[in-house]
Amino acid sequence: MSSVYSINKGINKAISFKGLKAQYIGYLAGGLVALLLLFAILYICGVNTYICLVLTGGSGTALVTTVLRMSHRYGQYGLLKRNAKRSLPVYLKFRSRETFIHLKTKRSDLLSSAENNYSRKK
């Protein structure tokens, strides 16, 4: 009894669907769910159906084009890297030079200064 199994040849590759890569599929799905809720809320509030369709249709078109553009521009990890780079500080402030004083000293000097500091505290 032999069974036929299909082999997944996309192991360790990012998920892609119609040009969308990785997390952008989730962004598009979440946006479409939000648009569905927007349409339902507008319809329940009594807004004209044609206005609801125009608003959700225009927002959906903008959503799809934006997500596709980001997927092609940044790729699988590019948007995450861009956001991480934006969260880095432009410069660092140090109130003292003590961090940099012992950078170019030898290891033995560091050990002896650590011993001296330890003996002073006693």
PDB file of N, CA and C in Angstrom:
ATOM      1  N   MET A   1       0.834  -1.164   0.000  1.00  0.00           N
ATOM      2  CA  MET A   1       0.000   0.000   0.000  1.00  0.00           C
ATOM      3  C   MET A   1       0.889   1.241   0.000  1.00  0.00           C
ATOM      4  N   SER A   2       0.950   1.858  -1.091  1.00  0.00           N
ATOM      5  CA  SER A   2       1.728   3.096  -1.158  1.00  0.00           C
ATOM      6  C   SER A   2       0.777   4.278  -1.274  1.00  0.00           C
ATOM      7  N   SER A   3       1.107   5.316  -0.572  1.00  0.00           N
ATOM      8  CA  SER A   3       0.306   6.540  -0.615  1.00  0.00           C
ATOM      9  C   SER A   3       1.087   7.616  -1.355  1.00  0.00           C
ATOM     10  N   VAL A   4       0.379   8.471  -1.995  1.00  0.00           N
ATOM     11  CA  VAL A   4       1.022   9.563  -2.710  1.00  0.00           C
ATOM     12  C   VAL A   4       0.903  10.815  -1.857  1.00  0.00           C
ATOM     13  N   TYR A   5       2.050  11.375  -1.516  1.00  0.00           N
ATOM     14  CA  TYR A   5       2.095  12.595  -0.724  1.00  0.00           C
ATOM     15  C   TYR A   5       2.642  13.719  -1.583  1.00  0.00           C
ATOM     16  N   SER A   6       2.054  14.873  -1.455  1.00  0.00           N
ATOM     17  CA  SER A   6       2.610  16.016  -2.171  1.00  0.00           C
ATOM     18  C   SER A   6       3.727  16.620  -1.327  1.00  0.00           C
ATOM     19  N   ILE A   7       4.784  17.007  -1.966  1.00  0.00           N
ATOM     20  CA  ILE A   7       5.941  17.562  -1.278  1.00  0.00           C
ATOM     21  C   ILE A   7       5.855  19.075  -1.308  1.00  0.00           C
ATOM     22  N   ASN A   8       5.998  19.667  -0.140  1.00  0.00           N
ATOM     23  CA  ASN A   8       6.005  21.117  -0.056  1.00  0.00           C
ATOM     24  C   ASN A   8       7.399  21.609  -0.398  1.00  0.00           C
ATOM     25  N   LYS A   9       7.561  22.251  -1.543  1.00  0.00           N
ATOM     26  CA  LYS A   9       8.880  22.702  -1.970  1.00  0.00           C
ATOM     27  C   LYS A   9       9.166  24.131  -1.520  1.00  0.00           C
ATOM     28  N   GLY A  10       8.289  24.707  -0.729  1.00  0.00           N
ATOM     29  CA  GLY A  10       8.481  26.076  -0.266  1.00  0.00           C
ATOM     30  C   GLY A  10       8.908  26.149   1.186  1.00  0.00           C
ATOM     31  N   ILE A  11       9.676  25.185   1.645  1.00  0.00           N
ATOM     32  CA  ILE A  11      10.105  25.166   3.043  1.00  0.00           C
ATOM     33  C   ILE A  11      11.071  26.319   3.285  1.00  0.00           C
ATOM     34  N   ASN A  12      10.906  27.006   4.398  1.00  0.00           N
ATOM     35  CA  ASN A  12      11.721  28.149   4.817  1.00  0.00           C
ATOM     36  C   ASN A  12      11.631  29.332   3.870  1.00  0.00           C
ATOM     37  N   LYS A  13      10.596  29.408   3.091  1.00  0.00           N
ATOM     38  CA  LYS A  13      10.365  30.578   2.241  1.00  0.00           C
ATOM     39  C   LYS A  13       9.177  31.342   2.789  1.00  0.00           C
ATOM     40  N   ALA A  14       9.163  32.631   2.506  1.00  0.00           N
ATOM     41  CA  ALA A  14       8.064  33.466   2.978  1.00  0.00           C
ATOM     42  C   ALA A  14       6.793  33.131   2.215  1.00  0.00           C
ATOM     43  N   ILE A  15       5.680  33.284   2.882  1.00  0.00           N
ATOM     44  CA  ILE A  15       4.392  33.066   2.237  1.00  0.00           C
ATOM     45  C   ILE A  15       4.169  34.191   1.242  1.00  0.00           C
ATOM     46  N   SER A  16       3.690  33.855   0.070  1.00  0.00           N
ATOM     47  CA  SER A  16       3.369  34.901  -0.903  1.00  0.00           C
ATOM     48  C   SER A  16       2.036  34.555  -1.557  1.00  0.00           C
ATOM     49  N   PHE A  17       1.257  35.590  -1.812  1.00  0.00           N
ATOM     50  CA  PHE A  17      -0.052  35.426  -2.427  1.00  0.00           C
ATOM     51  C   PHE A  17      -0.314  36.618  -3.330  1.00  0.00           C
ATOM     52  N   LYS A  18      -0.388  36.371  -4.611  1.00  0.00           N
ATOM     53  CA  LYS A  18      -0.688  37.409  -5.607  1.00  0.00           C
ATOM     54  C   LYS A  18       0.232  38.617  -5.479  1.00  0.00           C
ATOM     55  N   GLY A  19       1.492  38.389  -5.207  1.00  0.00           N
ATOM     56  CA  GLY A  19       2.452  39.486  -5.090  1.00  0.00           C
ATOM     57  C   GLY A  19       2.644  40.014  -3.690  1.00  0.00           C
ATOM     58  N   LEU A  20       1.795  39.620  -2.761  1.00  0.00           N
ATOM     59  CA  LEU A  20       1.961  40.046  -1.372  1.00  0.00           C
ATOM     60  C   LEU A  20       2.909  39.093  -0.665  1.00  0.00           C
ATOM     61  N   LYS A  21       3.774  39.631   0.175  1.00  0.00           N
ATOM     62  CA  LYS A  21       4.738  38.805   0.880  1.00  0.00           C
ATOM     63  C   LYS A  21       4.537  38.910   2.386  1.00  0.00           C
ATOM     64  N   ALA A  22       4.720  37.813   3.050  1.00  0.00           N
ATOM     65  CA  ALA A  22       4.802  37.705   4.515  1.00  0.00           C
ATOM     66  C   ALA A  22       3.697  38.446   5.260  1.00  0.00           C
ATOM     67  N   GLN A  23       4.060  39.445   6.077  1.00  0.00           N
ATOM     68  CA  GLN A  23       3.107  40.089   6.977  1.00  0.00           C
ATOM     69  C   GLN A  23       2.097  40.950   6.253  1.00  0.00           C
ATOM     70  N   TYR A  24       2.344  41.301   4.994  1.00  0.00           N
ATOM     71  CA  TYR A  24       1.417  42.162   4.259  1.00  0.00           C
ATOM     72  C   TYR A  24       0.094  41.458   3.972  1.00  0.00           C
ATOM     73  N   ILE A  25       0.109  40.144   3.933  1.00  0.00           N
ATOM     74  CA  ILE A  25      -1.143  39.387   3.773  1.00  0.00           C
ATOM     75  C   ILE A  25      -2.031  39.633   4.994  1.00  0.00           C
ATOM     76  N   GLY A  26      -1.434  39.630   6.167  1.00  0.00           N
ATOM     77  CA  GLY A  26      -2.175  39.909   7.394  1.00  0.00           C
ATOM     78  C   GLY A  26      -2.680  41.336   7.453  1.00  0.00           C
ATOM     79  N   TYR A  27      -1.845  42.284   6.996  1.00  0.00           N
ATOM     80  CA  TYR A  27      -2.278  43.681   6.975  1.00  0.00           C
ATOM     81  C   TYR A  27      -3.491  43.851   6.067  1.00  0.00           C
ATOM     82  N   LEU A  28      -3.457  43.217   4.908  1.00  0.00           N
ATOM     83  CA  LEU A  28      -4.574  43.332   3.972  1.00  0.00           C
ATOM     84  C   LEU A  28      -5.828  42.680   4.545  1.00  0.00           C
ATOM     85  N   ALA A  29      -5.680  41.525   5.157  1.00  0.00           N
ATOM     86  CA  ALA A  29      -6.832  40.837   5.743  1.00  0.00           C
ATOM     87  C   ALA A  29      -7.445  41.674   6.873  1.00  0.00           C
ATOM     88  N   GLY A  30      -6.611  42.232   7.728  1.00  0.00           N
ATOM     89  CA  GLY A  30      -7.117  43.072   8.810  1.00  0.00           C
ATOM     90  C   GLY A  30      -7.811  44.323   8.290  1.00  0.00           C
ATOM     91  N   GLY A  31      -7.266  44.910   7.249  1.00  0.00           N
ATOM     92  CA  GLY A  31      -7.888  46.084   6.651  1.00  0.00           C
ATOM     93  C   GLY A  31      -9.229  45.778   6.021  1.00  0.00           C
ATOM     94  N   LEU A  32      -9.327  44.628   5.373  1.00  0.00           N
ATOM     95  CA  LEU A  32     -10.597  44.246   4.759  1.00  0.00           C
ATOM     96  C   LEU A  32     -11.670  43.961   5.810  1.00  0.00           C
ATOM     97  N   VAL A  33     -11.281  43.374   6.918  1.00  0.00           N
ATOM     98  CA  VAL A  33     -12.233  43.146   8.013  1.00  0.00           C
ATOM     99  C   VAL A  33     -12.700  44.486   8.578  1.00  0.00           C
ATOM    100  N   ALA A  34     -11.767  45.438   8.722  1.00  0.00           N
ATOM    101  CA  ALA A  34     -12.136  46.774   9.214  1.00  0.00           C
ATOM    102  C   ALA A  34     -13.088  47.468   8.239  1.00  0.00           C
ATOM    103  N   LEU A  35     -12.869  47.285   6.942  1.00  0.00           N
ATOM    104  CA  LEU A  35     -13.773  47.879   5.954  1.00  0.00           C
ATOM    105  C   LEU A  35     -15.161  47.241   6.006  1.00  0.00           C
ATOM    106  N   LEU A  36     -15.210  45.953   6.248  1.00  0.00           N
ATOM    107  CA  LEU A  36     -16.500  45.281   6.386  1.00  0.00           C
ATOM    108  C   LEU A  36     -17.264  45.822   7.594  1.00  0.00           C
ATOM    109  N   LEU A  37     -16.560  46.004   8.697  1.00  0.00           N
ATOM    110  CA  LEU A  37     -17.190  46.573   9.890  1.00  0.00           C
ATOM    111  C   LEU A  37     -17.629  48.016   9.651  1.00  0.00           C
ATOM    112  N   LEU A  38     -16.820  48.791   8.923  1.00  0.00           N
ATOM    113  CA  LEU A  38     -17.191  50.162   8.599  1.00  0.00           C
ATOM    114  C   LEU A  38     -18.478  50.203   7.782  1.00  0.00           C
ATOM    115  N   PHE A  39     -18.572  49.331   6.790  1.00  0.00           N
ATOM    116  CA  PHE A  39     -19.780  49.283   5.968  1.00  0.00           C
ATOM    117  C   PHE A  39     -20.993  48.908   6.824  1.00  0.00           C
ATOM    118  N   ALA A  40     -20.831  47.919   7.703  1.00  0.00           N
ATOM    119  CA  ALA A  40     -21.946  47.484   8.545  1.00  0.00           C
ATOM    120  C   ALA A  40     -22.392  48.606   9.475  1.00  0.00           C
ATOM    121  N   ILE A  41     -21.440  49.328  10.069  1.00  0.00           N
ATOM    122  CA  ILE A  41     -21.796  50.421  10.985  1.00  0.00           C
ATOM    123  C   ILE A  41     -22.500  51.544  10.237  1.00  0.00           C
ATOM    124  N   LEU A  42     -21.972  51.898   9.073  1.00  0.00           N
ATOM    125  CA  LEU A  42     -22.615  52.960   8.294  1.00  0.00           C
ATOM    126  C   LEU A  42     -24.022  52.561   7.851  1.00  0.00           C
ATOM    127  N   TYR A  43     -24.186  51.319   7.454  1.00  0.00           N
ATOM    128  CA  TYR A  43     -25.489  50.835   6.983  1.00  0.00           C
ATOM    129  C   TYR A  43     -26.503  50.812   8.129  1.00  0.00           C
ATOM    130  N   ILE A  44     -26.050  50.377   9.308  1.00  0.00           N
ATOM    131  CA  ILE A  44     -26.944  50.319  10.466  1.00  0.00           C
ATOM    132  C   ILE A  44     -27.325  51.727  10.923  1.00  0.00           C
ATOM    133  N   CYS A  45     -26.410  52.683  10.782  1.00  0.00           N
ATOM    134  CA  CYS A  45     -26.695  54.068  11.178  1.00  0.00           C
ATOM    135  C   CYS A  45     -27.650  54.758  10.215  1.00  0.00           C
ATOM    136  N   GLY A  46     -27.944  54.149   9.096  1.00  0.00           N
ATOM    137  CA  GLY A  46     -28.923  54.706   8.184  1.00  0.00           C
ATOM    138  C   GLY A  46     -28.350  55.547   7.064  1.00  0.00           C
ATOM    139  N   VAL A  47     -27.044  55.444   6.823  1.00  0.00           N
ATOM    140  CA  VAL A  47     -26.430  56.181   5.722  1.00  0.00           C
ATOM    141  C   VAL A  47     -26.865  55.517   4.411  1.00  0.00           C
ATOM    142  N   ASN A  48     -27.036  56.333   3.382  1.00  0.00           N
ATOM    143  CA  ASN A  48     -27.454  55.829   2.077  1.00  0.00           C
ATOM    144  C   ASN A  48     -26.521  54.710   1.611  1.00  0.00           C
ATOM    145  N   THR A  49     -27.070  53.690   1.023  1.00  0.00           N
ATOM    146  CA  THR A  49     -26.298  52.516   0.603  1.00  0.00           C
ATOM    147  C   THR A  49     -25.231  52.879  -0.421  1.00  0.00           C
ATOM    148  N   TYR A  50     -25.560  53.767  -1.341  1.00  0.00           N
ATOM    149  CA  TYR A  50     -24.583  54.149  -2.365  1.00  0.00           C
ATOM    150  C   TYR A  50     -23.402  54.906  -1.765  1.00  0.00           C
ATOM    151  N   ILE A  51     -23.674  55.719  -0.753  1.00  0.00           N
ATOM    152  CA  ILE A  51     -22.581  56.424  -0.070  1.00  0.00           C
ATOM    153  C   ILE A  51     -21.708  55.424   0.679  1.00  0.00           C
ATOM    154  N   CYS A  52     -22.333  54.429   1.313  1.00  0.00           N
ATOM    155  CA  CYS A  52     -21.567  53.373   2.007  1.00  0.00           C
ATOM    156  C   CYS A  52     -20.671  52.629   1.027  1.00  0.00           C
ATOM    157  N   LEU A  53     -21.228  52.294  -0.131  1.00  0.00           N
ATOM    158  CA  LEU A  53     -20.448  51.563  -1.139  1.00  0.00           C
ATOM    159  C   LEU A  53     -19.287  52.396  -1.670  1.00  0.00           C
ATOM    160  N   VAL A  54     -19.531  53.670  -1.913  1.00  0.00           N
ATOM    161  CA  VAL A  54     -18.463  54.538  -2.426  1.00  0.00           C
ATOM    162  C   VAL A  54     -17.354  54.698  -1.381  1.00  0.00           C
ATOM    163  N   LEU A  55     -17.739  54.919  -0.112  1.00  0.00           N
ATOM    164  CA  LEU A  55     -16.730  55.082   0.945  1.00  0.00           C
ATOM    165  C   LEU A  55     -15.906  53.814   1.142  1.00  0.00           C
ATOM    166  N   THR A  56     -16.576  52.680   1.272  1.00  0.00           N
ATOM    167  CA  THR A  56     -15.835  51.435   1.504  1.00  0.00           C
ATOM    168  C   THR A  56     -15.079  50.996   0.251  1.00  0.00           C
ATOM    169  N   GLY A  57     -15.646  51.237  -0.925  1.00  0.00           N
ATOM    170  CA  GLY A  57     -14.942  50.878  -2.159  1.00  0.00           C
ATOM    171  C   GLY A  57     -13.693  51.717  -2.370  1.00  0.00           C
ATOM    172  N   GLY A  58     -13.799  53.011  -2.126  1.00  0.00           N
ATOM    173  CA  GLY A  58     -12.626  53.886  -2.245  1.00  0.00           C
ATOM    174  C   GLY A  58     -11.566  53.566  -1.209  1.00  0.00           C
ATOM    175  N   SER A  59     -12.019  53.329   0.019  1.00  0.00           N
ATOM    176  CA  SER A  59     -11.066  52.967   1.084  1.00  0.00           C
ATOM    177  C   SER A  59     -10.417  51.618   0.803  1.00  0.00           C
ATOM    178  N   GLY A  60     -11.182  50.677   0.266  1.00  0.00           N
ATOM    179  CA  GLY A  60     -10.634  49.361  -0.080  1.00  0.00           C
ATOM    180  C   GLY A  60      -9.601  49.455  -1.186  1.00  0.00           C
ATOM    181  N   THR A  61      -9.882  50.291  -2.193  1.00  0.00           N
ATOM    182  CA  THR A  61      -8.916  50.481  -3.282  1.00  0.00           C
ATOM    183  C   THR A  61      -7.635  51.106  -2.746  1.00  0.00           C
ATOM    184  N   ALA A  62      -7.768  52.114  -1.897  1.00  0.00           N
ATOM    185  CA  ALA A  62      -6.593  52.748  -1.300  1.00  0.00           C
ATOM    186  C   ALA A  62      -5.808  51.755  -0.436  1.00  0.00           C
ATOM    187  N   LEU A  63      -6.538  50.917   0.301  1.00  0.00           N
ATOM    188  CA  LEU A  63      -5.886  49.915   1.148  1.00  0.00           C
ATOM    189  C   LEU A  63      -5.080  48.924   0.316  1.00  0.00           C
ATOM    190  N   VAL A  64      -5.697  48.386  -0.733  1.00  0.00           N
ATOM    191  CA  VAL A  64      -5.024  47.377  -1.553  1.00  0.00           C
ATOM    192  C   VAL A  64      -3.802  47.973  -2.244  1.00  0.00           C
ATOM    193  N   THR A  65      -3.925  49.167  -2.806  1.00  0.00           N
ATOM    194  CA  THR A  65      -2.769  49.763  -3.494  1.00  0.00           C
ATOM    195  C   THR A  65      -1.652  50.100  -2.516  1.00  0.00           C
ATOM    196  N   THR A  66      -2.008  50.584  -1.330  1.00  0.00           N
ATOM    197  CA  THR A  66      -0.980  50.909  -0.333  1.00  0.00           C
ATOM    198  C   THR A  66      -0.247  49.665   0.135  1.00  0.00           C
ATOM    199  N   VAL A  67      -0.990  48.607   0.420  1.00  0.00           N
ATOM    200  CA  VAL A  67      -0.357  47.374   0.902  1.00  0.00           C
ATOM    201  C   VAL A  67       0.492  46.744  -0.197  1.00  0.00           C
ATOM    202  N   LEU A  68       0.014  46.743  -1.431  1.00  0.00           N
ATOM    203  CA  LEU A  68       0.822  46.205  -2.534  1.00  0.00           C
ATOM    204  C   LEU A  68       2.089  47.029  -2.745  1.00  0.00           C
ATOM    205  N   ARG A  69       1.979  48.336  -2.664  1.00  0.00           N
ATOM    206  CA  ARG A  69       3.146  49.200  -2.838  1.00  0.00           C
ATOM    207  C   ARG A  69       4.172  48.957  -1.739  1.00  0.00           C
ATOM    208  N   MET A  70       3.688  48.824  -0.484  1.00  0.00           N
ATOM    209  CA  MET A  70       4.620  48.556   0.615  1.00  0.00           C
ATOM    210  C   MET A  70       5.265  47.186   0.468  1.00  0.00           C
ATOM    211  N   SER A  71       4.501  46.199   0.002  1.00  0.00           N
ATOM    212  CA  SER A  71       5.044  44.861  -0.176  1.00  0.00           C
ATOM    213  C   SER A  71       6.156  44.855  -1.218  1.00  0.00           C
ATOM    214  N   HIS A  72       5.948  45.574  -2.309  1.00  0.00           N
ATOM    215  CA  HIS A  72       6.973  45.612  -3.356  1.00  0.00           C
ATOM    216  C   HIS A  72       8.151  46.491  -2.967  1.00  0.00           C
ATOM    217  N   ARG A  73       7.886  47.564  -2.228  1.00  0.00           N
ATOM    218  CA  ARG A  73       8.958  48.492  -1.871  1.00  0.00           C
ATOM    219  C   ARG A  73       9.854  47.944  -0.775  1.00  0.00           C
ATOM    220  N   TYR A  74       9.265  47.408   0.287  1.00  0.00           N
ATOM    221  CA  TYR A  74      10.038  46.989   1.450  1.00  0.00           C
ATOM    222  C   TYR A  74      10.338  45.497   1.494  1.00  0.00           C
ATOM    223  N   GLY A  75       9.570  44.676   0.835  1.00  0.00           N
ATOM    224  CA  GLY A  75       9.825  43.249   0.852  1.00  0.00           C
ATOM    225  C   GLY A  75       9.411  42.596   2.161  1.00  0.00           C
ATOM    226  N   GLN A  76       9.981  41.446   2.411  1.00  0.00           N
ATOM    227  CA  GLN A  76       9.557  40.639   3.556  1.00  0.00           C
ATOM    228  C   GLN A  76       9.894  41.288   4.895  1.00  0.00           C
ATOM    229  N   TYR A  77      11.124  41.767   5.066  1.00  0.00           N
ATOM    230  CA  TYR A  77      11.542  42.312   6.359  1.00  0.00           C
ATOM    231  C   TYR A  77      11.823  43.809   6.319  1.00  0.00           C
ATOM    232  N   GLY A  78      11.702  44.436   5.165  1.00  0.00           N
ATOM    233  CA  GLY A  78      12.093  45.828   5.016  1.00  0.00           C
ATOM    234  C   GLY A  78      11.304  46.794   5.863  1.00  0.00           C
ATOM    235  N   LEU A  79      10.002  46.582   5.979  1.00  0.00           N
ATOM    236  CA  LEU A  79       9.179  47.486   6.773  1.00  0.00           C
ATOM    237  C   LEU A  79       9.540  47.373   8.253  1.00  0.00           C
ATOM    238  N   LEU A  80       9.830  46.182   8.714  1.00  0.00           N
ATOM    239  CA  LEU A  80      10.245  45.999  10.106  1.00  0.00           C
ATOM    240  C   LEU A  80      11.584  46.675  10.360  1.00  0.00           C
ATOM    241  N   LYS A  81      12.511  46.558   9.392  1.00  0.00           N
ATOM    242  CA  LYS A  81      13.808  47.206   9.532  1.00  0.00           C
ATOM    243  C   LYS A  81      13.660  48.717   9.511  1.00  0.00           C
ATOM    244  N   ARG A  82      12.771  49.227   8.657  1.00  0.00           N
ATOM    245  CA  ARG A  82      12.549  50.673   8.587  1.00  0.00           C
ATOM    246  C   ARG A  82      12.002  51.195   9.902  1.00  0.00           C
ATOM    247  N   ASN A  83      11.041  50.498  10.482  1.00  0.00           N
ATOM    248  CA  ASN A  83      10.474  50.925  11.760  1.00  0.00           C
ATOM    249  C   ASN A  83      11.500  50.829  12.884  1.00  0.00           C
ATOM    250  N   ALA A  84      12.356  49.801  12.848  1.00  0.00           N
ATOM    251  CA  ALA A  84      13.396  49.666  13.871  1.00  0.00           C
ATOM    252  C   ALA A  84      14.415  50.788  13.735  1.00  0.00           C
ATOM    253  N   LYS A  85      14.761  51.149  12.503  1.00  0.00           N
ATOM    254  CA  LYS A  85      15.727  52.222  12.291  1.00  0.00           C
ATOM    255  C   LYS A  85      15.167  53.564  12.743  1.00  0.00           C
ATOM    256  N   ARG A  86      13.881  53.772  12.566  1.00  0.00           N
ATOM    257  CA  ARG A  86      13.265  55.021  12.998  1.00  0.00           C
ATOM    258  C   ARG A  86      13.230  55.152  14.511  1.00  0.00           C
ATOM    259  N   SER A  87      13.255  54.035  15.227  1.00  0.00           N
ATOM    260  CA  SER A  87      13.197  54.097  16.683  1.00  0.00           C
ATOM    261  C   SER A  87      14.576  54.279  17.322  1.00  0.00           C
ATOM    262  N   LEU A  88      15.655  54.249  16.521  1.00  0.00           N
ATOM    263  CA  LEU A  88      16.990  54.483  17.061  1.00  0.00           C
ATOM    264  C   LEU A  88      17.174  55.964  17.371  1.00  0.00           C
ATOM    265  N   PRO A  89      17.883  56.285  18.432  1.00  0.00           N
ATOM    266  CA  PRO A  89      18.124  57.704  18.724  1.00  0.00           C
ATOM    267  C   PRO A  89      19.126  58.295  17.742  1.00  0.00           C
ATOM    268  N   VAL A  90      19.019  59.588  17.500  1.00  0.00           N
ATOM    269  CA  VAL A  90      19.935  60.264  16.586  1.00  0.00           C
ATOM    270  C   VAL A  90      21.314  60.368  17.222  1.00  0.00           C
ATOM    271  N   TYR A  91      21.361  60.646  18.503  1.00  0.00           N
ATOM    272  CA  TYR A  91      22.622  60.709  19.222  1.00  0.00           C
ATOM    273  C   TYR A  91      22.384  60.294  20.663  1.00  0.00           C
ATOM    274  N   LEU A  92      23.470  59.977  21.364  1.00  0.00           N
ATOM    275  CA  LEU A  92      23.400  59.556  22.764  1.00  0.00           C
ATOM    276  C   LEU A  92      24.009  60.629  23.648  1.00  0.00           C
ATOM    277  N   LYS A  93      23.444  60.835  24.806  1.00  0.00           N
ATOM    278  CA  LYS A  93      23.980  61.797  25.755  1.00  0.00           C
ATOM    279  C   LYS A  93      24.661  61.049  26.899  1.00  0.00           C
ATOM    280  N   PHE A  94      25.879  61.475  27.203  1.00  0.00           N
ATOM    281  CA  PHE A  94      26.591  60.931  28.349  1.00  0.00           C
ATOM    282  C   PHE A  94      26.907  62.081  29.294  1.00  0.00           C
ATOM    283  N   ARG A  95      26.622  61.886  30.552  1.00  0.00           N
ATOM    284  CA  ARG A  95      26.870  62.941  31.538  1.00  0.00           C
ATOM    285  C   ARG A  95      28.304  62.909  32.061  1.00  0.00           C
ATOM    286  N   SER A  96      28.993  61.786  31.864  1.00  0.00           N
ATOM    287  CA  SER A  96      30.379  61.719  32.332  1.00  0.00           C
ATOM    288  C   SER A  96      31.212  60.956  31.301  1.00  0.00           C
ATOM    289  N   ARG A  97      32.535  61.100  31.435  1.00  0.00           N
ATOM    290  CA  ARG A  97      33.438  60.419  30.508  1.00  0.00           C
ATOM    291  C   ARG A  97      33.896  59.076  31.053  1.00  0.00           C
ATOM    292  N   GLU A  98      33.407  58.672  32.173  1.00  0.00           N
ATOM    293  CA  GLU A  98      33.912  57.470  32.831  1.00  0.00           C
ATOM    294  C   GLU A  98      33.737  56.221  31.972  1.00  0.00           C
ATOM    295  N   THR A  99      32.719  56.179  31.165  1.00  0.00           N
ATOM    296  CA  THR A  99      32.492  55.039  30.284  1.00  0.00           C
ATOM    297  C   THR A  99      33.645  54.871  29.299  1.00  0.00           C
ATOM    298  N   PHE A 100      34.201  55.980  28.848  1.00  0.00           N
ATOM    299  CA  PHE A 100      35.214  55.946  27.793  1.00  0.00           C
ATOM    300  C   PHE A 100      36.642  56.018  28.300  1.00  0.00           C
ATOM    301  N   ILE A 101      36.848  56.261  29.575  1.00  0.00           N
ATOM    302  CA  ILE A 101      38.205  56.438  30.098  1.00  0.00           C
ATOM    303  C   ILE A 101      39.022  55.161  29.974  1.00  0.00           C
ATOM    304  N   HIS A 102      38.437  54.020  30.255  1.00  0.00           N
ATOM    305  CA  HIS A 102      39.192  52.767  30.317  1.00  0.00           C
ATOM    306  C   HIS A 102      39.077  51.935  29.037  1.00  0.00           C
ATOM    307  N   LEU A 103      38.686  52.509  27.941  1.00  0.00           N
ATOM    308  CA  LEU A 103      38.495  51.717  26.733  1.00  0.00           C
ATOM    309  C   LEU A 103      39.797  51.179  26.156  1.00  0.00           C
ATOM    310  N   LYS A 104      40.863  51.977  26.148  1.00  0.00           N
ATOM    311  CA  LYS A 104      42.108  51.553  25.507  1.00  0.00           C
ATOM    312  C   LYS A 104      43.151  51.088  26.513  1.00  0.00           C
ATOM    313  N   THR A 105      42.774  50.726  27.688  1.00  0.00           N
ATOM    314  CA  THR A 105      43.731  50.231  28.665  1.00  0.00           C
ATOM    315  C   THR A 105      43.853  48.728  28.533  1.00  0.00           C
ATOM    316  N   LYS A 106      44.932  48.201  29.052  1.00  0.00           N
ATOM    317  CA  LYS A 106      45.168  46.763  28.991  1.00  0.00           C
ATOM    318  C   LYS A 106      44.315  46.047  30.024  1.00  0.00           C
ATOM    319  N   ARG A 107      44.152  44.762  29.827  1.00  0.00           N
ATOM    320  CA  ARG A 107      43.329  43.964  30.733  1.00  0.00           C
ATOM    321  C   ARG A 107      43.913  43.947  32.144  1.00  0.00           C
ATOM    322  N   SER A 108      45.222  43.870  32.253  1.00  0.00           N
ATOM    323  CA  SER A 108      45.835  43.845  33.578  1.00  0.00           C
ATOM    324  C   SER A 108      45.587  45.156  34.313  1.00  0.00           C
ATOM    325  N   ASP A 109      45.605  46.284  33.569  1.00  0.00           N
ATOM    326  CA  ASP A 109      45.320  47.572  34.199  1.00  0.00           C
ATOM    327  C   ASP A 109      43.883  47.614  34.702  1.00  0.00           C
ATOM    328  N   LEU A 110      42.978  47.050  33.933  1.00  0.00           N
ATOM    329  CA  LEU A 110      41.583  47.030  34.350  1.00  0.00           C
ATOM    330  C   LEU A 110      41.390  46.198  35.606  1.00  0.00           C
ATOM    331  N   LEU A 111      42.077  45.060  35.656  1.00  0.00           N
ATOM    332  CA  LEU A 111      41.957  44.208  36.835  1.00  0.00           C
ATOM    333  C   LEU A 111      42.533  44.883  38.066  1.00  0.00           C
ATOM    334  N   SER A 112      43.665  45.547  37.909  1.00  0.00           N
ATOM    335  CA  SER A 112      44.261  46.222  39.062  1.00  0.00           C
ATOM    336  C   SER A 112      43.406  47.399  39.508  1.00  0.00           C
ATOM    337  N   SER A 113      42.803  48.141  38.557  1.00  0.00           N
ATOM    338  CA  SER A 113      41.941  49.255  38.952  1.00  0.00           C
ATOM    339  C   SER A 113      40.670  48.736  39.621  1.00  0.00           C
ATOM    340  N   ALA A 114      40.176  47.589  39.190  1.00  0.00           N
ATOM    341  CA  ALA A 114      38.997  47.009  39.825  1.00  0.00           C
ATOM    342  C   ALA A 114      39.326  46.572  41.247  1.00  0.00           C
ATOM    343  N   GLU A 115      40.534  46.023  41.441  1.00  0.00           N
ATOM    344  CA  GLU A 115      40.943  45.633  42.785  1.00  0.00           C
ATOM    345  C   GLU A 115      41.099  46.855  43.677  1.00  0.00           C
ATOM    346  N   ASN A 116      41.662  47.936  43.125  1.00  0.00           N
ATOM    347  CA  ASN A 116      41.813  49.166  43.902  1.00  0.00           C
ATOM    348  C   ASN A 116      40.451  49.736  44.295  1.00  0.00           C
ATOM    349  N   ASN A 117      39.507  49.730  43.372  1.00  0.00           N
ATOM    350  CA  ASN A 117      38.174  50.221  43.678  1.00  0.00           C
ATOM    351  C   ASN A 117      37.489  49.364  44.730  1.00  0.00           C
ATOM    352  N   TYR A 118      37.721  48.045  44.670  1.00  0.00           N
ATOM    353  CA  TYR A 118      37.120  47.150  45.636  1.00  0.00           C
ATOM    354  C   TYR A 118      37.711  47.381  47.024  1.00  0.00           C
ATOM    355  N   SER A 119      39.043  47.585  47.063  1.00  0.00           N
ATOM    356  CA  SER A 119      39.681  47.788  48.360  1.00  0.00           C
ATOM    357  C   SER A 119      39.319  49.144  48.956  1.00  0.00           C
ATOM    358  N   ARG A 120      39.020  50.155  48.141  1.00  0.00           N
ATOM    359  CA  ARG A 120      38.619  51.465  48.660  1.00  0.00           C
ATOM    360  C   ARG A 120      37.245  51.398  49.322  1.00  0.00           C
ATOM    361  N   LYS A 121      36.376  50.561  48.808  1.00  0.00           N
ATOM    362  CA  LYS A 121      35.021  50.480  49.339  1.00  0.00           C
ATOM    363  C   LYS A 121      34.970  49.855  50.719  1.00  0.00           C
ATOM    364  N   LYS A 122      35.980  49.057  51.058  1.00  0.00           N
ATOM    365  CA  LYS A 122      35.998  48.399  52.367  1.00  0.00           C
ATOM    366  C   LYS A 122      36.358  49.359  53.405  1.00  0.00           C
TER     367      LYS A 122
END
